[in-house]
């Protein structure tokens, strides 16, 4: 499947037996919104609620870290996903969290493939397309999740990379958080960025209708951020969610040697031993 699928395409596929639609909405800590309540109020017909904030390793003290294969398998089956499913992930979130859900589905090799609904629920609703309400309990699927090797970076990898600069690092947080001018939303976390990293706020990748930019316009955003296309790239952010947007954006312009730092600033910024930089890139 392509990384992005259009609302028009999805409207024509609704009701197909092998199609599974999941709502991956997530809000930043402290936001006065409830993604499950919003899903039950209105969702795309046939969709199930991913509950992305809880799709994480409960035994890891770091927020939102990737789950075990067994946990991912269990959740996907509960969503009705099977080995032959085509998966469409969308959100109704200002963080554009569908990219994290898409990345996870692909990382664990779930179903026949996964794609992001371009424009998400806001574009779907703006076009006057149908929604349903209420809780959803789909029939159990038979999906199997196995995390692929080599696609996720750790803090040790990033510490080594600060010295070697073998891989380019790009941070999806807003500019004021990157420079350290704005405090982090999690109490006790240092401000700033990983030394040597570049900054491209993930919000810059979207058009006014919530769809993602493409082609040369998208390439120019990364170029203007100072990204070195000649090196492999590691994407990072606050907690590994918006980093997936940059990863998707890079793949859309043909840059495929891209990995994601799952701990991101939630791990790096809490550790007093990690090197930190402030100011512009």
C-alpha atoms as a PDB file:
ATOM      1  CA  UNK A   1       0.000   0.000   0.000  1.00  0.00           C
ATOM      2  CA  UNK A   2       1.024   3.609  -0.501  1.00  0.00           C
ATOM      3  CA  UNK A   3       1.903   5.602   2.626  1.00  0.00           C
ATOM      4  CA  UNK A   4      -1.067   7.933   2.079  1.00  0.00           C
ATOM      5  CA  UNK A   5      -4.552   7.057   0.850  1.00  0.00           C
ATOM      6  CA  UNK A   6      -7.144   9.679  -0.054  1.00  0.00           C
ATOM      7  CA  UNK A   7     -10.542  10.211   1.522  1.00  0.00           C
ATOM      8  CA  UNK A   8     -12.068   9.630  -1.918  1.00  0.00           C
ATOM      9  CA  UNK A   9     -10.342   6.239  -2.143  1.00  0.00           C
ATOM     10  CA  UNK A  10     -11.490   5.222   1.330  1.00  0.00           C
ATOM     11  CA  UNK A  11     -15.076   6.249   0.625  1.00  0.00           C
ATOM     12  CA  UNK A  12     -15.056   3.813  -2.301  1.00  0.00           C
ATOM     13  CA  UNK A  13     -13.607   0.979  -0.193  1.00  0.00           C
ATOM     14  CA  UNK A  14     -15.917   1.215   2.837  1.00  0.00           C
ATOM     15  CA  UNK A  15     -17.480  -2.116   3.736  1.00  0.00           C
ATOM     16  CA  UNK A  16     -14.888  -4.308   1.970  1.00  0.00           C
ATOM     17  CA  UNK A  17     -14.248  -7.495   3.985  1.00  0.00           C
ATOM     18  CA  UNK A  18     -10.471  -7.093   4.159  1.00  0.00           C
ATOM     19  CA  UNK A  19     -10.488  -3.382   5.093  1.00  0.00           C
ATOM     20  CA  UNK A  20      -9.748  -2.412   8.702  1.00  0.00           C
ATOM     21  CA  UNK A  21      -9.924   1.234   9.741  1.00  0.00           C
ATOM     22  CA  UNK A  22      -8.433   2.372  13.047  1.00  0.00           C
ATOM     23  CA  UNK A  23      -8.633   5.702  14.851  1.00  0.00           C
ATOM     24  CA  UNK A  24      -5.204   6.531  16.318  1.00  0.00           C
ATOM     25  CA  UNK A  25      -6.093   9.892  17.871  1.00  0.00           C
ATOM     26  CA  UNK A  26      -3.854  10.970  20.753  1.00  0.00           C
ATOM     27  CA  UNK A  27      -3.527  14.268  22.607  1.00  0.00           C
ATOM     28  CA  UNK A  28      -0.576  15.801  24.427  1.00  0.00           C
ATOM     29  CA  UNK A  29      -0.431  15.533  28.254  1.00  0.00           C
ATOM     30  CA  UNK A  30      -2.778  18.081  29.811  1.00  0.00           C
ATOM     31  CA  UNK A  31      -4.956  18.579  26.719  1.00  0.00           C
ATOM     32  CA  UNK A  32      -8.647  18.846  27.727  1.00  0.00           C
ATOM     33  CA  UNK A  33      -9.809  16.262  25.180  1.00  0.00           C
ATOM     34  CA  UNK A  34     -10.688  12.579  25.467  1.00  0.00           C
ATOM     35  CA  UNK A  35      -9.894  10.609  22.287  1.00  0.00           C
ATOM     36  CA  UNK A  36     -12.129   7.640  23.168  1.00  0.00           C
ATOM     37  CA  UNK A  37     -15.113   9.873  23.960  1.00  0.00           C
ATOM     38  CA  UNK A  38     -14.605  11.736  20.694  1.00  0.00           C
ATOM     39  CA  UNK A  39     -14.390   8.430  18.794  1.00  0.00           C
ATOM     40  CA  UNK A  40     -17.682   7.260  20.313  1.00  0.00           C
ATOM     41  CA  UNK A  41     -19.269  10.570  19.355  1.00  0.00           C
ATOM     42  CA  UNK A  42     -18.202  10.346  15.685  1.00  0.00           C
ATOM     43  CA  UNK A  43     -15.936   8.036  13.698  1.00  0.00           C
ATOM     44  CA  UNK A  44     -15.562   6.779  10.141  1.00  0.00           C
ATOM     45  CA  UNK A  45     -18.006   3.906   9.483  1.00  0.00           C
ATOM     46  CA  UNK A  46     -16.444   0.551  10.343  1.00  0.00           C
ATOM     47  CA  UNK A  47     -13.559   2.070  12.316  1.00  0.00           C
ATOM     48  CA  UNK A  48     -12.230   0.714  15.617  1.00  0.00           C
ATOM     49  CA  UNK A  49     -10.473   2.684  18.357  1.00  0.00           C
ATOM     50  CA  UNK A  50      -6.731   1.981  18.558  1.00  0.00           C
ATOM     51  CA  UNK A  51      -6.245   3.674  21.970  1.00  0.00           C
ATOM     52  CA  UNK A  52      -2.727   4.673  20.965  1.00  0.00           C
ATOM     53  CA  UNK A  53      -1.705   6.085  24.390  1.00  0.00           C
ATOM     54  CA  UNK A  54      -2.116   2.624  25.953  1.00  0.00           C
ATOM     55  CA  UNK A  55      -0.492   0.717  23.075  1.00  0.00           C
ATOM     56  CA  UNK A  56       2.838   0.766  24.887  1.00  0.00           C
ATOM     57  CA  UNK A  57       5.000  -1.328  27.185  1.00  0.00           C
ATOM     58  CA  UNK A  58       3.342  -1.049  30.642  1.00  0.00           C
ATOM     59  CA  UNK A  59       6.538  -2.259  32.335  1.00  0.00           C
ATOM     60  CA  UNK A  60       8.680   0.530  30.882  1.00  0.00           C
ATOM     61  CA  UNK A  61       8.840   3.736  32.970  1.00  0.00           C
ATOM     62  CA  UNK A  62       9.389   5.830  29.839  1.00  0.00           C
ATOM     63  CA  UNK A  63       6.129   7.119  28.292  1.00  0.00           C
ATOM     64  CA  UNK A  64       4.733   5.456  25.188  1.00  0.00           C
ATOM     65  CA  UNK A  65       7.536   2.984  24.517  1.00  0.00           C
ATOM     66  CA  UNK A  66       6.849   0.260  21.956  1.00  0.00           C
ATOM     67  CA  UNK A  67       4.933  -2.788  23.239  1.00  0.00           C
ATOM     68  CA  UNK A  68       6.002  -6.426  23.136  1.00  0.00           C
ATOM     69  CA  UNK A  69       5.070  -8.535  20.125  1.00  0.00           C
ATOM     70  CA  UNK A  70       2.488 -10.342  22.279  1.00  0.00           C
ATOM     71  CA  UNK A  71       0.809  -7.104  23.388  1.00  0.00           C
ATOM     72  CA  UNK A  72       0.758  -5.721  19.841  1.00  0.00           C
ATOM     73  CA  UNK A  73      -0.699  -9.001  18.566  1.00  0.00           C
ATOM     74  CA  UNK A  74      -3.409  -8.964  21.240  1.00  0.00           C
ATOM     75  CA  UNK A  75      -4.413  -5.357  20.515  1.00  0.00           C
ATOM     76  CA  UNK A  76      -4.491  -5.843  16.743  1.00  0.00           C
ATOM     77  CA  UNK A  77      -6.656  -8.949  17.066  1.00  0.00           C
ATOM     78  CA  UNK A  78      -9.046  -7.033  19.334  1.00  0.00           C
ATOM     79  CA  UNK A  79      -9.298  -4.399  16.584  1.00  0.00           C
ATOM     80  CA  UNK A  80     -10.432  -7.091  14.141  1.00  0.00           C
ATOM     81  CA  UNK A  81      -7.161  -7.076  12.198  1.00  0.00           C
ATOM     82  CA  UNK A  82      -6.171 -10.319  10.466  1.00  0.00           C
ATOM     83  CA  UNK A  83      -3.203 -11.467   8.415  1.00  0.00           C
ATOM     84  CA  UNK A  84      -4.967 -10.488   5.173  1.00  0.00           C
ATOM     85  CA  UNK A  85      -6.213  -7.079   6.367  1.00  0.00           C
ATOM     86  CA  UNK A  86      -5.551  -3.794   4.606  1.00  0.00           C
ATOM     87  CA  UNK A  87      -5.230  -1.245   7.418  1.00  0.00           C
ATOM     88  CA  UNK A  88      -6.102   2.447   7.198  1.00  0.00           C
ATOM     89  CA  UNK A  89      -5.039   4.608  10.133  1.00  0.00           C
ATOM     90  CA  UNK A  90      -6.506   8.049  10.769  1.00  0.00           C
ATOM     91  CA  UNK A  91      -6.734  10.587  13.581  1.00  0.00           C
ATOM     92  CA  UNK A  92      -8.611  13.657  14.748  1.00  0.00           C
ATOM     93  CA  UNK A  93      -5.669  15.156  16.570  1.00  0.00           C
ATOM     94  CA  UNK A  94      -3.551  18.304  16.205  1.00  0.00           C
ATOM     95  CA  UNK A  95      -0.496  16.065  16.702  1.00  0.00           C
ATOM     96  CA  UNK A  96      -1.402  14.087  13.532  1.00  0.00           C
ATOM     97  CA  UNK A  97      -0.850  10.908  15.563  1.00  0.00           C
ATOM     98  CA  UNK A  98      -2.039   8.576  12.770  1.00  0.00           C
ATOM     99  CA  UNK A  99       1.569   8.478  11.555  1.00  0.00           C
ATOM    100  CA  UNK A 100       2.650   6.760  14.796  1.00  0.00           C
ATOM    101  CA  UNK A 101      -0.137   4.185  14.424  1.00  0.00           C
ATOM    102  CA  UNK A 102       0.810   3.586  10.782  1.00  0.00           C
ATOM    103  CA  UNK A 103       4.504   3.243  11.641  1.00  0.00           C
ATOM    104  CA  UNK A 104       3.729   0.730  14.382  1.00  0.00           C
ATOM    105  CA  UNK A 105       1.503  -1.390  12.119  1.00  0.00           C
ATOM    106  CA  UNK A 106       4.274  -1.509   9.541  1.00  0.00           C
ATOM    107  CA  UNK A 107       7.064  -2.013  12.100  1.00  0.00           C
ATOM    108  CA  UNK A 108       5.323  -5.117  13.464  1.00  0.00           C
ATOM    109  CA  UNK A 109       4.378  -6.439  10.017  1.00  0.00           C
ATOM    110  CA  UNK A 110       0.663  -6.525  10.785  1.00  0.00           C
ATOM    111  CA  UNK A 111      -1.793  -7.445   8.038  1.00  0.00           C
ATOM    112  CA  UNK A 112      -1.111  -7.042   4.315  1.00  0.00           C
ATOM    113  CA  UNK A 113      -0.095  -3.407   4.691  1.00  0.00           C
ATOM    114  CA  UNK A 114      -1.023  -0.122   6.328  1.00  0.00           C
ATOM    115  CA  UNK A 115      -1.578   3.437   5.145  1.00  0.00           C
ATOM    116  CA  UNK A 116      -2.434   6.828   6.631  1.00  0.00           C
ATOM    117  CA  UNK A 117      -5.741   8.443   5.655  1.00  0.00           C
ATOM    118  CA  UNK A 118      -4.553  11.706   4.106  1.00  0.00           C
ATOM    119  CA  UNK A 119      -6.334  14.549   5.889  1.00  0.00           C
ATOM    120  CA  UNK A 120      -7.738  12.312   8.617  1.00  0.00           C
ATOM    121  CA  UNK A 121     -11.165  12.775  10.167  1.00  0.00           C
ATOM    122  CA  UNK A 122     -11.150  16.597   9.776  1.00  0.00           C
ATOM    123  CA  UNK A 123     -10.891  16.341   5.966  1.00  0.00           C
ATOM    124  CA  UNK A 124     -13.387  13.439   5.879  1.00  0.00           C
ATOM    125  CA  UNK A 125     -15.970  15.465   7.831  1.00  0.00           C
ATOM    126  CA  UNK A 126     -15.273  18.691   5.909  1.00  0.00           C
ATOM    127  CA  UNK A 127     -16.125  16.839   2.695  1.00  0.00           C
ATOM    128  CA  UNK A 128     -19.506  15.809   4.139  1.00  0.00           C
ATOM    129  CA  UNK A 129     -18.679  12.113   4.300  1.00  0.00           C
ATOM    130  CA  UNK A 130     -20.590   9.814   6.702  1.00  0.00           C
ATOM    131  CA  UNK A 131     -19.716   9.081  10.337  1.00  0.00           C
ATOM    132  CA  UNK A 132     -21.044   6.670  12.949  1.00  0.00           C
ATOM    133  CA  UNK A 133     -21.306   6.976  16.720  1.00  0.00           C
ATOM    134  CA  UNK A 134     -21.081   4.584  19.668  1.00  0.00           C
ATOM    135  CA  UNK A 135     -18.550   2.108  21.021  1.00  0.00           C
ATOM    136  CA  UNK A 136     -17.242  -0.595  18.664  1.00  0.00           C
ATOM    137  CA  UNK A 137     -16.314  -4.253  19.369  1.00  0.00           C
ATOM    138  CA  UNK A 138     -15.217  -5.862  16.099  1.00  0.00           C
ATOM    139  CA  UNK A 139     -14.934  -9.643  15.618  1.00  0.00           C
ATOM    140  CA  UNK A 140     -11.542 -10.897  16.775  1.00  0.00           C
ATOM    141  CA  UNK A 141      -8.873 -11.070  14.075  1.00  0.00           C
ATOM    142  CA  UNK A 142      -5.923 -13.425  13.685  1.00  0.00           C
ATOM    143  CA  UNK A 143      -3.111 -10.895  13.132  1.00  0.00           C
ATOM    144  CA  UNK A 144       0.418 -11.729  14.255  1.00  0.00           C
ATOM    145  CA  UNK A 145       2.794  -8.919  15.236  1.00  0.00           C
ATOM    146  CA  UNK A 146       6.574  -9.342  15.074  1.00  0.00           C
ATOM    147  CA  UNK A 147       8.706  -6.236  15.406  1.00  0.00           C
ATOM    148  CA  UNK A 148      11.212  -5.836  12.570  1.00  0.00           C
ATOM    149  CA  UNK A 149      14.865  -5.481  13.533  1.00  0.00           C
ATOM    150  CA  UNK A 150      16.958  -2.395  12.873  1.00  0.00           C
ATOM    151  CA  UNK A 151      14.123   0.144  12.544  1.00  0.00           C
ATOM    152  CA  UNK A 152      14.219   1.653  16.041  1.00  0.00           C
ATOM    153  CA  UNK A 153      17.037   3.659  17.629  1.00  0.00           C
ATOM    154  CA  UNK A 154      17.929   3.671  21.340  1.00  0.00           C
ATOM    155  CA  UNK A 155      19.504   6.265  23.612  1.00  0.00           C
ATOM    156  CA  UNK A 156      22.836   4.424  23.374  1.00  0.00           C
ATOM    157  CA  UNK A 157      22.636   4.688  19.578  1.00  0.00           C
ATOM    158  CA  UNK A 158      21.999   8.430  19.813  1.00  0.00           C
ATOM    159  CA  UNK A 159      24.802   9.007  22.348  1.00  0.00           C
ATOM    160  CA  UNK A 160      27.240   7.240  20.019  1.00  0.00           C
ATOM    161  CA  UNK A 161      25.897   9.288  17.105  1.00  0.00           C
ATOM    162  CA  UNK A 162      26.557  12.594  18.910  1.00  0.00           C
ATOM    163  CA  UNK A 163      30.247  11.683  18.586  1.00  0.00           C
ATOM    164  CA  UNK A 164      30.280   9.966  15.188  1.00  0.00           C
ATOM    165  CA  UNK A 165      27.618  12.046  13.367  1.00  0.00           C
ATOM    166  CA  UNK A 166      27.220   8.994  11.132  1.00  0.00           C
ATOM    167  CA  UNK A 167      23.481   9.597  10.931  1.00  0.00           C
ATOM    168  CA  UNK A 168      21.600  12.881  10.555  1.00  0.00           C
ATOM    169  CA  UNK A 169      19.097  13.582  13.343  1.00  0.00           C
ATOM    170  CA  UNK A 170      15.951  15.661  12.811  1.00  0.00           C
ATOM    171  CA  UNK A 171      13.562  16.724  15.574  1.00  0.00           C
ATOM    172  CA  UNK A 172       9.815  17.172  14.945  1.00  0.00           C
ATOM    173  CA  UNK A 173       9.037  19.350  17.983  1.00  0.00           C
ATOM    174  CA  UNK A 174       8.077  23.009  17.677  1.00  0.00           C
ATOM    175  CA  UNK A 175      10.947  25.465  17.241  1.00  0.00           C
ATOM    176  CA  UNK A 176      10.636  26.997  20.735  1.00  0.00           C
ATOM    177  CA  UNK A 177      10.878  23.587  22.387  1.00  0.00           C
ATOM    178  CA  UNK A 178      13.853  22.685  20.202  1.00  0.00           C
ATOM    179  CA  UNK A 179      15.758  25.860  21.083  1.00  0.00           C
ATOM    180  CA  UNK A 180      14.840  25.550  24.763  1.00  0.00           C
ATOM    181  CA  UNK A 181      12.899  28.829  24.897  1.00  0.00           C
ATOM    182  CA  UNK A 182       9.673  26.940  25.711  1.00  0.00           C
ATOM    183  CA  UNK A 183       9.418  24.586  28.668  1.00  0.00           C
ATOM    184  CA  UNK A 184       8.618  20.921  28.058  1.00  0.00           C
ATOM    185  CA  UNK A 185       5.052  19.759  28.893  1.00  0.00           C
ATOM    186  CA  UNK A 186       6.344  17.062  31.271  1.00  0.00           C
ATOM    187  CA  UNK A 187       7.478  18.358  34.689  1.00  0.00           C
ATOM    188  CA  UNK A 188      11.150  17.964  35.538  1.00  0.00           C
ATOM    189  CA  UNK A 189      12.292  17.572  31.943  1.00  0.00           C
ATOM    190  CA  UNK A 190      15.231  19.605  30.634  1.00  0.00           C
ATOM    191  CA  UNK A 191      14.735  21.894  27.646  1.00  0.00           C
ATOM    192  CA  UNK A 192      16.722  21.974  24.406  1.00  0.00           C
ATOM    193  CA  UNK A 193      17.730  19.337  21.855  1.00  0.00           C
ATOM    194  CA  UNK A 194      20.164  16.546  21.051  1.00  0.00           C
ATOM    195  CA  UNK A 195      23.482  18.121  19.987  1.00  0.00           C
ATOM    196  CA  UNK A 196      23.913  18.123  16.221  1.00  0.00           C
ATOM    197  CA  UNK A 197      20.242  17.626  15.429  1.00  0.00           C
ATOM    198  CA  UNK A 198      18.169  19.713  13.018  1.00  0.00           C
ATOM    199  CA  UNK A 199      14.617  20.918  13.548  1.00  0.00           C
ATOM    200  CA  UNK A 200      11.550  20.626  11.334  1.00  0.00           C
ATOM    201  CA  UNK A 201       8.287  21.062  13.267  1.00  0.00           C
ATOM    202  CA  UNK A 202       5.941  18.304  12.106  1.00  0.00           C
ATOM    203  CA  UNK A 203       3.083  20.801  11.725  1.00  0.00           C
ATOM    204  CA  UNK A 204       4.950  22.313   8.738  1.00  0.00           C
ATOM    205  CA  UNK A 205       4.296  19.152   6.700  1.00  0.00           C
ATOM    206  CA  UNK A 206       0.535  19.739   6.484  1.00  0.00           C
ATOM    207  CA  UNK A 207      -1.697  21.788   4.203  1.00  0.00           C
ATOM    208  CA  UNK A 208      -4.653  23.874   5.400  1.00  0.00           C
ATOM    209  CA  UNK A 209      -7.050  20.971   4.682  1.00  0.00           C
ATOM    210  CA  UNK A 210      -5.020  18.664   6.984  1.00  0.00           C
ATOM    211  CA  UNK A 211      -3.523  16.701   4.066  1.00  0.00           C
ATOM    212  CA  UNK A 212       0.241  16.194   3.837  1.00  0.00           C
ATOM    213  CA  UNK A 213       2.436  18.232   1.536  1.00  0.00           C
ATOM    214  CA  UNK A 214       4.196  16.321  -1.223  1.00  0.00           C
ATOM    215  CA  UNK A 215       6.871  16.381  -3.895  1.00  0.00           C
ATOM    216  CA  UNK A 216       9.264  19.293  -4.205  1.00  0.00           C
ATOM    217  CA  UNK A 217       7.423  21.340  -1.567  1.00  0.00           C
ATOM    218  CA  UNK A 218       8.042  18.568   0.961  1.00  0.00           C
ATOM    219  CA  UNK A 219      11.665  18.092  -0.106  1.00  0.00           C
ATOM    220  CA  UNK A 220      12.325  21.822   0.293  1.00  0.00           C
ATOM    221  CA  UNK A 221      11.099  21.747   3.898  1.00  0.00           C
ATOM    222  CA  UNK A 222      13.741  19.167   4.815  1.00  0.00           C
ATOM    223  CA  UNK A 223      16.404  20.978   2.778  1.00  0.00           C
ATOM    224  CA  UNK A 224      15.623  24.312   4.459  1.00  0.00           C
ATOM    225  CA  UNK A 225      15.914  22.587   7.856  1.00  0.00           C
ATOM    226  CA  UNK A 226      19.495  21.730   6.890  1.00  0.00           C
ATOM    227  CA  UNK A 227      19.008  17.979   6.682  1.00  0.00           C
ATOM    228  CA  UNK A 228      21.918  16.110   5.093  1.00  0.00           C
ATOM    229  CA  UNK A 229      20.244  13.741   2.618  1.00  0.00           C
ATOM    230  CA  UNK A 230      23.568  11.962   2.087  1.00  0.00           C
ATOM    231  CA  UNK A 231      23.440  10.279   5.489  1.00  0.00           C
ATOM    232  CA  UNK A 232      20.911   7.878   7.017  1.00  0.00           C
ATOM    233  CA  UNK A 233      18.361   9.798   9.101  1.00  0.00           C
ATOM    234  CA  UNK A 234      17.037   9.340  12.641  1.00  0.00           C
ATOM    235  CA  UNK A 235      13.773  11.122  13.467  1.00  0.00           C
ATOM    236  CA  UNK A 236      12.989  12.226  17.015  1.00  0.00           C
ATOM    237  CA  UNK A 237      10.439  14.391  18.857  1.00  0.00           C
ATOM    238  CA  UNK A 238       8.906  14.581  22.346  1.00  0.00           C
ATOM    239  CA  UNK A 239       7.774  10.968  22.788  1.00  0.00           C
ATOM    240  CA  UNK A 240       8.120   9.224  19.431  1.00  0.00           C
ATOM    241  CA  UNK A 241       4.747  10.266  17.994  1.00  0.00           C
ATOM    242  CA  UNK A 242       5.412  13.229  15.677  1.00  0.00           C
ATOM    243  CA  UNK A 243       8.808  11.729  14.752  1.00  0.00           C
ATOM    244  CA  UNK A 244       6.771   9.234  12.706  1.00  0.00           C
ATOM    245  CA  UNK A 245       5.385  12.135  10.640  1.00  0.00           C
ATOM    246  CA  UNK A 246       8.887  13.160   9.584  1.00  0.00           C
ATOM    247  CA  UNK A 247       9.711   9.516   8.823  1.00  0.00           C
ATOM    248  CA  UNK A 248       6.621   9.250   6.603  1.00  0.00           C
ATOM    249  CA  UNK A 249       7.461  12.566   4.934  1.00  0.00           C
ATOM    250  CA  UNK A 250      11.006  11.458   4.160  1.00  0.00           C
ATOM    251  CA  UNK A 251       9.774   8.188   2.679  1.00  0.00           C
ATOM    252  CA  UNK A 252       7.293  10.112   0.518  1.00  0.00           C
ATOM    253  CA  UNK A 253      10.239  11.894  -1.133  1.00  0.00           C
ATOM    254  CA  UNK A 254      12.186   8.661  -1.584  1.00  0.00           C
ATOM    255  CA  UNK A 255      14.453   8.735   1.486  1.00  0.00           C
ATOM    256  CA  UNK A 256      14.095   5.212   2.879  1.00  0.00           C
ATOM    257  CA  UNK A 257      17.150   4.815   5.170  1.00  0.00           C
ATOM    258  CA  UNK A 258      15.250   6.401   8.053  1.00  0.00           C
ATOM    259  CA  UNK A 259      14.800   5.120  11.617  1.00  0.00           C
ATOM    260  CA  UNK A 260      13.008   6.505  14.675  1.00  0.00           C
ATOM    261  CA  UNK A 261      14.317   7.192  18.191  1.00  0.00           C
ATOM    262  CA  UNK A 262      11.483   5.765  20.287  1.00  0.00           C
ATOM    263  CA  UNK A 263      12.563   7.268  23.624  1.00  0.00           C
ATOM    264  CA  UNK A 264      12.936  10.727  22.038  1.00  0.00           C
ATOM    265  CA  UNK A 265      13.118  13.784  24.306  1.00  0.00           C
ATOM    266  CA  UNK A 266      10.982  12.105  26.994  1.00  0.00           C
ATOM    267  CA  UNK A 267      13.969   9.844  27.632  1.00  0.00           C
ATOM    268  CA  UNK A 268      16.835  12.158  26.652  1.00  0.00           C
ATOM    269  CA  UNK A 269      15.530  15.224  28.462  1.00  0.00           C
ATOM    270  CA  UNK A 270      14.905  13.370  31.737  1.00  0.00           C
ATOM    271  CA  UNK A 271      18.405  11.893  31.921  1.00  0.00           C
ATOM    272  CA  UNK A 272      20.867  14.310  33.579  1.00  0.00           C
ATOM    273  CA  UNK A 273      23.796  12.490  31.949  1.00  0.00           C
ATOM    274  CA  UNK A 274      22.820  13.094  28.290  1.00  0.00           C
ATOM    275  CA  UNK A 275      24.412  16.037  26.448  1.00  0.00           C
ATOM    276  CA  UNK A 276      21.955  18.794  25.603  1.00  0.00           C
ATOM    277  CA  UNK A 277      22.117  21.842  23.368  1.00  0.00           C
ATOM    278  CA  UNK A 278      19.990  24.997  23.317  1.00  0.00           C
ATOM    279  CA  UNK A 279      19.487  27.693  20.715  1.00  0.00           C
ATOM    280  CA  UNK A 280      19.134  27.262  16.971  1.00  0.00           C
ATOM    281  CA  UNK A 281      20.399  24.159  15.156  1.00  0.00           C
END
